Amino acid sequence: MSIKLTDNSGNQVQIPDPPRFHQHILQFHSRGTSIHDENGHYFTVDDAFRENLERLMQAFRKS
């Protein structure tokens, strides 16, 4: 199973390995605002992005 996120260009991006993606965000983008590049898709990682990712990961773990 995967999750979908919207990149900075408004494109829906399929994240095929959500646990790996989540771990990377926690390790390298845990505070402040930064840009994450995922296979040429750019995401602004801020508190709102991290909160949304946490909600998606809770739903992912329940499925």
PDB file of N, CA and C in Angstrom:
ATOM      1  N   MET A   1       0.839  -1.183   0.000  1.00  0.00           N
ATOM      2  CA  MET A   1       0.000   0.000   0.000  1.00  0.00           C
ATOM      3  C   MET A   1       0.879   1.239   0.000  1.00  0.00           C
ATOM      4  N   SER A   2       0.370   2.315  -0.570  1.00  0.00           N
ATOM      5  CA  SER A   2       1.116   3.554  -0.643  1.00  0.00           C
ATOM      6  C   SER A   2       0.247   4.703  -0.137  1.00  0.00           C
ATOM      7  N   ILE A   3       0.844   5.879  -0.078  1.00  0.00           N
ATOM      8  CA  ILE A   3       0.105   7.091   0.252  1.00  0.00           C
ATOM      9  C   ILE A   3       0.322   8.090  -0.879  1.00  0.00           C
ATOM     10  N   LYS A   4      -0.553   9.083  -0.958  1.00  0.00           N
ATOM     11  CA  LYS A   4      -0.428  10.137  -1.959  1.00  0.00           C
ATOM     12  C   LYS A   4      -0.238  11.469  -1.256  1.00  0.00           C
ATOM     13  N   LEU A   5       0.693  12.247  -1.793  1.00  0.00           N
ATOM     14  CA  LEU A   5       0.948  13.588  -1.293  1.00  0.00           C
ATOM     15  C   LEU A   5       0.924  14.556  -2.471  1.00  0.00           C
ATOM     16  N   THR A   6       0.620  15.797  -2.209  1.00  0.00           N
ATOM     17  CA  THR A   6       0.640  16.829  -3.241  1.00  0.00           C
ATOM     18  C   THR A   6       1.957  17.576  -3.171  1.00  0.00           C
ATOM     19  N   ASP A   7       2.666  17.615  -4.305  1.00  0.00           N
ATOM     20  CA  ASP A   7       3.955  18.307  -4.315  1.00  0.00           C
ATOM     21  C   ASP A   7       3.756  19.812  -4.477  1.00  0.00           C
ATOM     22  N   ASN A   8       4.861  20.545  -4.506  1.00  0.00           N
ATOM     23  CA  ASN A   8       4.799  22.005  -4.588  1.00  0.00           C
ATOM     24  C   ASN A   8       4.189  22.501  -5.888  1.00  0.00           C
ATOM     25  N   SER A   9       4.140  21.656  -6.916  1.00  0.00           N
ATOM     26  CA  SER A   9       3.537  22.039  -8.197  1.00  0.00           C
ATOM     27  C   SER A   9       2.063  21.654  -8.282  1.00  0.00           C
ATOM     28  N   GLY A  10       1.525  21.059  -7.226  1.00  0.00           N
ATOM     29  CA  GLY A  10       0.127  20.667  -7.208  1.00  0.00           C
ATOM     30  C   GLY A  10      -0.135  19.284  -7.771  1.00  0.00           C
ATOM     31  N   ASN A  11       0.929  18.529  -8.047  1.00  0.00           N
ATOM     32  CA  ASN A  11       0.789  17.170  -8.575  1.00  0.00           C
ATOM     33  C   ASN A  11       0.607  16.164  -7.449  1.00  0.00           C
ATOM     34  N   GLN A  12      -0.268  15.181  -7.670  1.00  0.00           N
ATOM     35  CA  GLN A  12      -0.423  14.074  -6.725  1.00  0.00           C
ATOM     36  C   GLN A  12       0.738  13.102  -6.951  1.00  0.00           C
ATOM     37  N   VAL A  13       1.452  12.795  -5.889  1.00  0.00           N
ATOM     38  CA  VAL A  13       2.621  11.920  -5.985  1.00  0.00           C
ATOM     39  C   VAL A  13       2.383  10.689  -5.127  1.00  0.00           C
ATOM     40  N   GLN A  14       2.531   9.539  -5.746  1.00  0.00           N
ATOM     41  CA  GLN A  14       2.391   8.258  -5.047  1.00  0.00           C
ATOM     42  C   GLN A  14       3.700   7.973  -4.313  1.00  0.00           C
ATOM     43  N   ILE A  15       3.606   7.726  -3.019  1.00  0.00           N
ATOM     44  CA  ILE A  15       4.771   7.358  -2.211  1.00  0.00           C
ATOM     45  C   ILE A  15       4.667   5.855  -1.968  1.00  0.00           C
ATOM     46  N   PRO A  16       5.474   5.050  -2.684  1.00  0.00           N
ATOM     47  CA  PRO A  16       5.311   3.598  -2.623  1.00  0.00           C
ATOM     48  C   PRO A  16       5.773   2.948  -1.323  1.00  0.00           C
ATOM     49  N   ASP A  17       6.676   3.609  -0.594  1.00  0.00           N
ATOM     50  CA  ASP A  17       7.197   3.047   0.661  1.00  0.00           C
ATOM     51  C   ASP A  17       7.029   4.083   1.776  1.00  0.00           C
ATOM     52  N   PRO A  18       5.795   4.247   2.264  1.00  0.00           N
ATOM     53  CA  PRO A  18       5.535   5.294   3.262  1.00  0.00           C
ATOM     54  C   PRO A  18       6.417   5.216   4.511  1.00  0.00           C
ATOM     55  N   PRO A  19       6.693   4.019   5.080  1.00  0.00           N
ATOM     56  CA  PRO A  19       7.558   4.010   6.261  1.00  0.00           C
ATOM     57  C   PRO A  19       8.954   4.587   6.003  1.00  0.00           C
ATOM     58  N   ARG A  20       9.530   4.281   4.841  1.00  0.00           N
ATOM     59  CA  ARG A  20      10.853   4.820   4.501  1.00  0.00           C
ATOM     60  C   ARG A  20      10.780   6.333   4.355  1.00  0.00           C
ATOM     61  N   PHE A  21       9.751   6.828   3.652  1.00  0.00           N
ATOM     62  CA  PHE A  21       9.574   8.259   3.452  1.00  0.00           C
ATOM     63  C   PHE A  21       9.401   8.965   4.796  1.00  0.00           C
ATOM     64  N   HIS A  22       8.530   8.420   5.637  1.00  0.00           N
ATOM     65  CA  HIS A  22       8.262   8.994   6.952  1.00  0.00           C
ATOM     66  C   HIS A  22       9.537   9.044   7.795  1.00  0.00           C
ATOM     67  N   GLN A  23      10.297   7.969   7.798  1.00  0.00           N
ATOM     68  CA  GLN A  23      11.541   7.923   8.576  1.00  0.00           C
ATOM     69  C   GLN A  23      12.523   8.978   8.083  1.00  0.00           C
ATOM     70  N   HIS A  24      12.615   9.150   6.771  1.00  0.00           N
ATOM     71  CA  HIS A  24      13.508  10.167   6.217  1.00  0.00           C
ATOM     72  C   HIS A  24      13.089  11.568   6.676  1.00  0.00           C
ATOM     73  N   ILE A  25      11.794  11.855   6.606  1.00  0.00           N
ATOM     74  CA  ILE A  25      11.296  13.169   7.029  1.00  0.00           C
ATOM     75  C   ILE A  25      11.611  13.396   8.506  1.00  0.00           C
ATOM     76  N   LEU A  26      11.389  12.375   9.342  1.00  0.00           N
ATOM     77  CA  LEU A  26      11.697  12.506  10.769  1.00  0.00           C
ATOM     78  C   LEU A  26      13.185  12.737  11.004  1.00  0.00           C
ATOM     79  N   GLN A  27      14.013  12.060  10.248  1.00  0.00           N
ATOM     80  CA  GLN A  27      15.460  12.142  10.462  1.00  0.00           C
ATOM     81  C   GLN A  27      16.067  13.438   9.932  1.00  0.00           C
ATOM     82  N   PHE A  28      15.630  13.877   8.745  1.00  0.00           N
ATOM     83  CA  PHE A  28      16.300  14.999   8.096  1.00  0.00           C
ATOM     84  C   PHE A  28      15.482  16.284   8.015  1.00  0.00           C
ATOM     85  N   HIS A  29      14.198  16.225   8.297  1.00  0.00           N
ATOM     86  CA  HIS A  29      13.327  17.402   8.171  1.00  0.00           C
ATOM     87  C   HIS A  29      12.418  17.526   9.397  1.00  0.00           C
ATOM     88  N   SER A  30      12.958  17.288  10.581  1.00  0.00           N
ATOM     89  CA  SER A  30      12.135  17.184  11.790  1.00  0.00           C
ATOM     90  C   SER A  30      11.665  18.524  12.351  1.00  0.00           C
ATOM     91  N   ARG A  31      12.288  19.617  11.949  1.00  0.00           N
ATOM     92  CA  ARG A  31      11.866  20.927  12.472  1.00  0.00           C
ATOM     93  C   ARG A  31      12.166  22.013  11.453  1.00  0.00           C
ATOM     94  N   GLY A  32      11.493  23.126  11.651  1.00  0.00           N
ATOM     95  CA  GLY A  32      11.672  24.243  10.730  1.00  0.00           C
ATOM     96  C   GLY A  32      11.010  23.975   9.393  1.00  0.00           C
ATOM     97  N   THR A  33      11.487  24.690   8.394  1.00  0.00           N
ATOM     98  CA  THR A  33      10.975  24.545   7.041  1.00  0.00           C
ATOM     99  C   THR A  33      12.121  24.194   6.118  1.00  0.00           C
ATOM    100  N   SER A  34      11.921  23.173   5.303  1.00  0.00           N
ATOM    101  CA  SER A  34      12.933  22.755   4.342  1.00  0.00           C
ATOM    102  C   SER A  34      12.243  22.185   3.112  1.00  0.00           C
ATOM    103  N   ILE A  35      13.033  21.891   2.100  1.00  0.00           N
ATOM    104  CA  ILE A  35      12.523  21.322   0.852  1.00  0.00           C
ATOM    105  C   ILE A  35      13.025  19.885   0.755  1.00  0.00           C
ATOM    106  N   HIS A  36      12.108  18.979   0.447  1.00  0.00           N
ATOM    107  CA  HIS A  36      12.461  17.572   0.228  1.00  0.00           C
ATOM    108  C   HIS A  36      12.212  17.238  -1.234  1.00  0.00           C
ATOM    109  N   ASP A  37      13.204  16.603  -1.873  1.00  0.00           N
ATOM    110  CA  ASP A  37      13.102  16.155  -3.258  1.00  0.00           C
ATOM    111  C   ASP A  37      12.851  14.656  -3.251  1.00  0.00           C
ATOM    112  N   GLU A  38      11.733  14.249  -3.821  1.00  0.00           N
ATOM    113  CA  GLU A  38      11.383  12.831  -3.916  1.00  0.00           C
ATOM    114  C   GLU A  38      11.217  12.500  -5.397  1.00  0.00           C
ATOM    115  N   ASN A  39      12.272  11.964  -5.996  1.00  0.00           N
ATOM    116  CA  ASN A  39      12.244  11.582  -7.413  1.00  0.00           C
ATOM    117  C   ASN A  39      11.799  12.728  -8.324  1.00  0.00           C
ATOM    118  N   GLY A  40      12.355  13.906  -8.087  1.00  0.00           N
ATOM    119  CA  GLY A  40      12.041  15.064  -8.921  1.00  0.00           C
ATOM    120  C   GLY A  40      10.789  15.820  -8.526  1.00  0.00           C
ATOM    121  N   HIS A  41      10.139  15.398  -7.464  1.00  0.00           N
ATOM    122  CA  HIS A  41       8.981  16.108  -6.923  1.00  0.00           C
ATOM    123  C   HIS A  41       9.436  16.799  -5.644  1.00  0.00           C
ATOM    124  N   TYR A  42       9.113  18.076  -5.539  1.00  0.00           N
ATOM    125  CA  TYR A  42       9.571  18.863  -4.398  1.00  0.00           C
ATOM    126  C   TYR A  42       8.428  19.132  -3.433  1.00  0.00           C
ATOM    127  N   PHE A  43       8.734  18.960  -2.157  1.00  0.00           N
ATOM    128  CA  PHE A  43       7.762  19.180  -1.087  1.00  0.00           C
ATOM    129  C   PHE A  43       8.359  20.168  -0.097  1.00  0.00           C
ATOM    130  N   THR A  44       7.581  21.170   0.283  1.00  0.00           N
ATOM    131  CA  THR A  44       7.990  22.059   1.369  1.00  0.00           C
ATOM    132  C   THR A  44       7.573  21.370   2.661  1.00  0.00           C
ATOM    133  N   VAL A  45       8.566  21.029   3.466  1.00  0.00           N
ATOM    134  CA  VAL A  45       8.312  20.323   4.721  1.00  0.00           C
ATOM    135  C   VAL A  45       8.295  21.349   5.846  1.00  0.00           C
ATOM    136  N   ASP A  46       7.115  21.535   6.417  1.00  0.00           N
ATOM    137  CA  ASP A  46       6.927  22.440   7.545  1.00  0.00           C
ATOM    138  C   ASP A  46       6.007  21.741   8.541  1.00  0.00           C
ATOM    139  N   ASP A  47       5.583  22.446   9.567  1.00  0.00           N
ATOM    140  CA  ASP A  47       4.739  21.814  10.584  1.00  0.00           C
ATOM    141  C   ASP A  47       3.458  21.237   9.983  1.00  0.00           C
ATOM    142  N   ALA A  48       2.822  21.973   9.078  1.00  0.00           N
ATOM    143  CA  ALA A  48       1.578  21.491   8.464  1.00  0.00           C
ATOM    144  C   ALA A  48       1.829  20.218   7.653  1.00  0.00           C
ATOM    145  N   PHE A  49       2.934  20.160   6.908  1.00  0.00           N
ATOM    146  CA  PHE A  49       3.267  18.967   6.125  1.00  0.00           C
ATOM    147  C   PHE A  49       3.502  17.774   7.051  1.00  0.00           C
ATOM    148  N   ARG A  50       4.279  18.006   8.123  1.00  0.00           N
ATOM    149  CA  ARG A  50       4.566  16.913   9.064  1.00  0.00           C
ATOM    150  C   ARG A  50       3.293  16.418   9.739  1.00  0.00           C
ATOM    151  N   GLU A  51       2.382  17.322  10.105  1.00  0.00           N
ATOM    152  CA  GLU A  51       1.108  16.917  10.720  1.00  0.00           C
ATOM    153  C   GLU A  51       0.274  16.094   9.742  1.00  0.00           C
ATOM    154  N   ASN A  52       0.203  16.522   8.494  1.00  0.00           N
ATOM    155  CA  ASN A  52      -0.536  15.777   7.477  1.00  0.00           C
ATOM    156  C   ASN A  52       0.096  14.394   7.270  1.00  0.00           C
ATOM    157  N   LEU A  53       1.407  14.338   7.214  1.00  0.00           N
ATOM    158  CA  LEU A  53       2.098  13.059   7.043  1.00  0.00           C
ATOM    159  C   LEU A  53       1.812  12.138   8.227  1.00  0.00           C
ATOM    160  N   GLU A  54       1.790  12.667   9.430  1.00  0.00           N
ATOM    161  CA  GLU A  54       1.473  11.842  10.606  1.00  0.00           C
ATOM    162  C   GLU A  54       0.065  11.252  10.496  1.00  0.00           C
ATOM    163  N   ARG A  55      -0.905  12.056  10.054  1.00  0.00           N
ATOM    164  CA  ARG A  55      -2.276  11.556   9.873  1.00  0.00           C
ATOM    165  C   ARG A  55      -2.312  10.446   8.821  1.00  0.00           C
ATOM    166  N   LEU A  56      -1.618  10.655   7.722  1.00  0.00           N
ATOM    167  CA  LEU A  56      -1.576   9.642   6.671  1.00  0.00           C
ATOM    168  C   LEU A  56      -0.909   8.362   7.164  1.00  0.00           C
ATOM    169  N   MET A  57       0.147   8.503   7.947  1.00  0.00           N
ATOM    170  CA  MET A  57       0.848   7.320   8.448  1.00  0.00           C
ATOM    171  C   MET A  57      -0.006   6.553   9.460  1.00  0.00           C
ATOM    172  N   GLN A  58      -0.793   7.252  10.280  1.00  0.00           N
ATOM    173  CA  GLN A  58      -1.701   6.551  11.197  1.00  0.00           C
ATOM    174  C   GLN A  58      -2.711   5.728  10.420  1.00  0.00           C
ATOM    175  N   ALA A  59      -3.263   6.310   9.370  1.00  0.00           N
ATOM    176  CA  ALA A  59      -4.218   5.569   8.532  1.00  0.00           C
ATOM    177  C   ALA A  59      -3.531   4.418   7.815  1.00  0.00           C
ATOM    178  N   PHE A  60      -2.306   4.631   7.361  1.00  0.00           N
ATOM    179  CA  PHE A  60      -1.538   3.582   6.681  1.00  0.00           C
ATOM    180  C   PHE A  60      -1.310   2.393   7.612  1.00  0.00           C
ATOM    181  N   ARG A  61      -0.939   2.680   8.851  1.00  0.00           N
ATOM    182  CA  ARG A  61      -0.651   1.599   9.812  1.00  0.00           C
ATOM    183  C   ARG A  61      -1.910   0.805  10.153  1.00  0.00           C
ATOM    184  N   LYS A  62      -3.079   1.446  10.112  1.00  0.00           N
ATOM    185  CA  LYS A  62      -4.335   0.776  10.438  1.00  0.00           C
ATOM    186  C   LYS A  62      -4.833  -0.102   9.291  1.00  0.00           C
ATOM    187  N   SER A  63      -4.344   0.157   8.087  1.00  0.00           N
ATOM    188  CA  SER A  63      -4.841  -0.605   6.928  1.00  0.00           C
ATOM    189  C   SER A  63      -4.129  -1.935   6.763  1.00  0.00           C
TER     190      SER A  63
END
